[in-house]
Amino acid sequence: MDEDQGGVVANFYAKVGVAAIKVTSGSIKKGDLLHYKGHTTDFTAEVTSMEIERQPVEEAQAGDLVGVQVKERVRKKDKVYKVVERP
């Protein structure tokens, strides 16, 4: 499996476990597998819930700021990679 950088963490809201991700390229959809990587962050999780301005969405495009539910702590400037299968 390969990874494409798709975004960067802009903020993290610990009480609700949500990462605000600035999508930098491509798109992120519900069901995608994302790899969060930073100085002290390194985990992979499926996108199960995402919102733009508190409205549920199925997909976010480059340039969007999207809130994604995460199971672990992330930090500002952590990189977000989309895990993709290549033939």
C-alpha atoms as a PDB file:
ATOM      1  CA  MET A   1       0.000   0.000   0.000  1.00  0.00           C
ATOM      2  CA  ASP A   2       1.134   3.496  -0.791  1.00  0.00           C
ATOM      3  CA  GLU A   3       0.352   6.843   0.786  1.00  0.00           C
ATOM      4  CA  ASP A   4      -0.417  10.233  -0.736  1.00  0.00           C
ATOM      5  CA  GLN A   5      -0.143  13.329   1.435  1.00  0.00           C
ATOM      6  CA  GLY A   6      -3.633  14.729   1.558  1.00  0.00           C
ATOM      7  CA  GLY A   7      -3.560  17.279   4.329  1.00  0.00           C
ATOM      8  CA  VAL A   8      -2.149  18.732   7.493  1.00  0.00           C
ATOM      9  CA  VAL A   9      -3.616  19.012  10.995  1.00  0.00           C
ATOM     10  CA  ALA A  10      -4.670  22.613  11.654  1.00  0.00           C
ATOM     11  CA  ASN A  11      -6.033  22.027  15.160  1.00  0.00           C
ATOM     12  CA  PHE A  12      -7.072  19.325  17.625  1.00  0.00           C
ATOM     13  CA  TYR A  13     -10.056  19.412  19.950  1.00  0.00           C
ATOM     14  CA  ALA A  14      -9.285  16.951  22.758  1.00  0.00           C
ATOM     15  CA  LYS A  15     -12.681  17.036  24.517  1.00  0.00           C
ATOM     16  CA  VAL A  16     -14.515  15.770  21.426  1.00  0.00           C
ATOM     17  CA  GLY A  17     -11.580  13.911  19.815  1.00  0.00           C
ATOM     18  CA  VAL A  18     -11.711  15.842  16.548  1.00  0.00           C
ATOM     19  CA  ALA A  19      -8.836  16.807  14.268  1.00  0.00           C
ATOM     20  CA  ALA A  20      -9.312  19.879  12.057  1.00  0.00           C
ATOM     21  CA  ILE A  21      -7.580  18.928   8.804  1.00  0.00           C
ATOM     22  CA  LYS A  22      -6.690  21.339   6.011  1.00  0.00           C
ATOM     23  CA  VAL A  23      -7.037  19.246   2.838  1.00  0.00           C
ATOM     24  CA  THR A  24      -4.039  20.161   0.651  1.00  0.00           C
ATOM     25  CA  SER A  25      -4.466  17.809  -2.305  1.00  0.00           C
ATOM     26  CA  GLY A  26      -7.025  15.407  -3.710  1.00  0.00           C
ATOM     27  CA  SER A  27      -9.974  14.581  -1.506  1.00  0.00           C
ATOM     28  CA  ILE A  28     -10.838  12.768   1.702  1.00  0.00           C
ATOM     29  CA  LYS A  29     -13.999  10.647   1.871  1.00  0.00           C
ATOM     30  CA  LYS A  30     -15.794   8.725   4.595  1.00  0.00           C
ATOM     31  CA  GLY A  31     -14.335   5.229   4.638  1.00  0.00           C
ATOM     32  CA  ASP A  32     -10.839   6.357   3.583  1.00  0.00           C
ATOM     33  CA  LEU A  33      -7.887   5.090   5.597  1.00  0.00           C
ATOM     34  CA  LEU A  34      -5.757   7.996   6.877  1.00  0.00           C
ATOM     35  CA  HIS A  35      -2.240   7.817   8.324  1.00  0.00           C
ATOM     36  CA  TYR A  36      -1.449  10.587  10.826  1.00  0.00           C
ATOM     37  CA  LYS A  37       2.305  11.210  11.104  1.00  0.00           C
ATOM     38  CA  GLY A  38       4.204  13.752  13.151  1.00  0.00           C
ATOM     39  CA  HIS A  39       7.024  14.153  15.649  1.00  0.00           C
ATOM     40  CA  THR A  40       5.210  12.068  18.286  1.00  0.00           C
ATOM     41  CA  THR A  41       2.179  10.925  16.257  1.00  0.00           C
ATOM     42  CA  ASP A  42       2.033   7.783  14.140  1.00  0.00           C
ATOM     43  CA  PHE A  43      -1.246   5.895  13.682  1.00  0.00           C
ATOM     44  CA  THR A  44      -3.720   4.885  10.997  1.00  0.00           C
ATOM     45  CA  ALA A  45      -7.498   5.161  11.260  1.00  0.00           C
ATOM     46  CA  GLU A  46     -10.556   4.949   9.026  1.00  0.00           C
ATOM     47  CA  VAL A  47     -12.640   8.086   8.517  1.00  0.00           C
ATOM     48  CA  THR A  48     -15.980   7.337  10.174  1.00  0.00           C
ATOM     49  CA  SER A  49     -17.289  10.856  10.773  1.00  0.00           C
ATOM     50  CA  MET A  50     -16.448  14.174   9.144  1.00  0.00           C
ATOM     51  CA  GLU A  51     -17.939  17.668   9.128  1.00  0.00           C
ATOM     52  CA  ILE A  52     -17.403  21.020   7.460  1.00  0.00           C
ATOM     53  CA  GLU A  53     -18.670  23.940   9.548  1.00  0.00           C
ATOM     54  CA  ARG A  54     -20.603  21.511  11.781  1.00  0.00           C
ATOM     55  CA  GLN A  55     -22.471  20.007   8.820  1.00  0.00           C
ATOM     56  CA  PRO A  56     -21.907  16.289   8.111  1.00  0.00           C
ATOM     57  CA  VAL A  57     -20.283  15.666   4.724  1.00  0.00           C
ATOM     58  CA  GLU A  58     -19.290  12.567   2.755  1.00  0.00           C
ATOM     59  CA  GLU A  59     -16.252  14.128   1.028  1.00  0.00           C
ATOM     60  CA  ALA A  60     -13.854  17.064   1.420  1.00  0.00           C
ATOM     61  CA  GLN A  61     -11.860  18.568  -1.458  1.00  0.00           C
ATOM     62  CA  ALA A  62      -8.488  20.340  -1.550  1.00  0.00           C
ATOM     63  CA  GLY A  63      -8.779  23.709   0.186  1.00  0.00           C
ATOM     64  CA  ASP A  64     -11.464  22.544   2.645  1.00  0.00           C
ATOM     65  CA  LEU A  65     -11.025  22.607   6.414  1.00  0.00           C
ATOM     66  CA  VAL A  66     -12.707  19.457   7.669  1.00  0.00           C
ATOM     67  CA  GLY A  67     -13.281  18.066  11.153  1.00  0.00           C
ATOM     68  CA  VAL A  68     -12.539  14.341  11.427  1.00  0.00           C
ATOM     69  CA  GLN A  69     -13.204  12.140  14.460  1.00  0.00           C
ATOM     70  CA  VAL A  70      -9.926  10.561  15.650  1.00  0.00           C
ATOM     71  CA  LYS A  71      -9.209   7.943  18.319  1.00  0.00           C
ATOM     72  CA  GLU A  72      -5.785   9.281  19.332  1.00  0.00           C
ATOM     73  CA  ARG A  73      -4.246  12.688  19.968  1.00  0.00           C
ATOM     74  CA  VAL A  74      -2.879  14.597  16.989  1.00  0.00           C
ATOM     75  CA  ARG A  75      -0.921  17.825  16.948  1.00  0.00           C
ATOM     76  CA  LYS A  76      -0.834  20.932  14.791  1.00  0.00           C
ATOM     77  CA  LYS A  77       1.281  20.472  11.663  1.00  0.00           C
ATOM     78  CA  ASP A  78       1.078  16.656  11.770  1.00  0.00           C
ATOM     79  CA  LYS A  79       0.901  15.377   8.213  1.00  0.00           C
ATOM     80  CA  VAL A  80      -2.134  13.410   7.042  1.00  0.00           C
ATOM     81  CA  TYR A  81      -1.629  10.751   4.384  1.00  0.00           C
ATOM     82  CA  LYS A  82      -4.344   8.910   2.491  1.00  0.00           C
ATOM     83  CA  VAL A  83      -3.548   5.187   2.290  1.00  0.00           C
ATOM     84  CA  VAL A  84      -4.174   3.981  -1.268  1.00  0.00           C
ATOM     85  CA  GLU A  85      -3.848   0.637  -2.988  1.00  0.00           C
ATOM     86  CA  ARG A  86      -2.005   0.745  -6.277  1.00  0.00           C
ATOM     87  CA  PRO A  87      -2.258  -2.061  -8.833  1.00  0.00           C
END
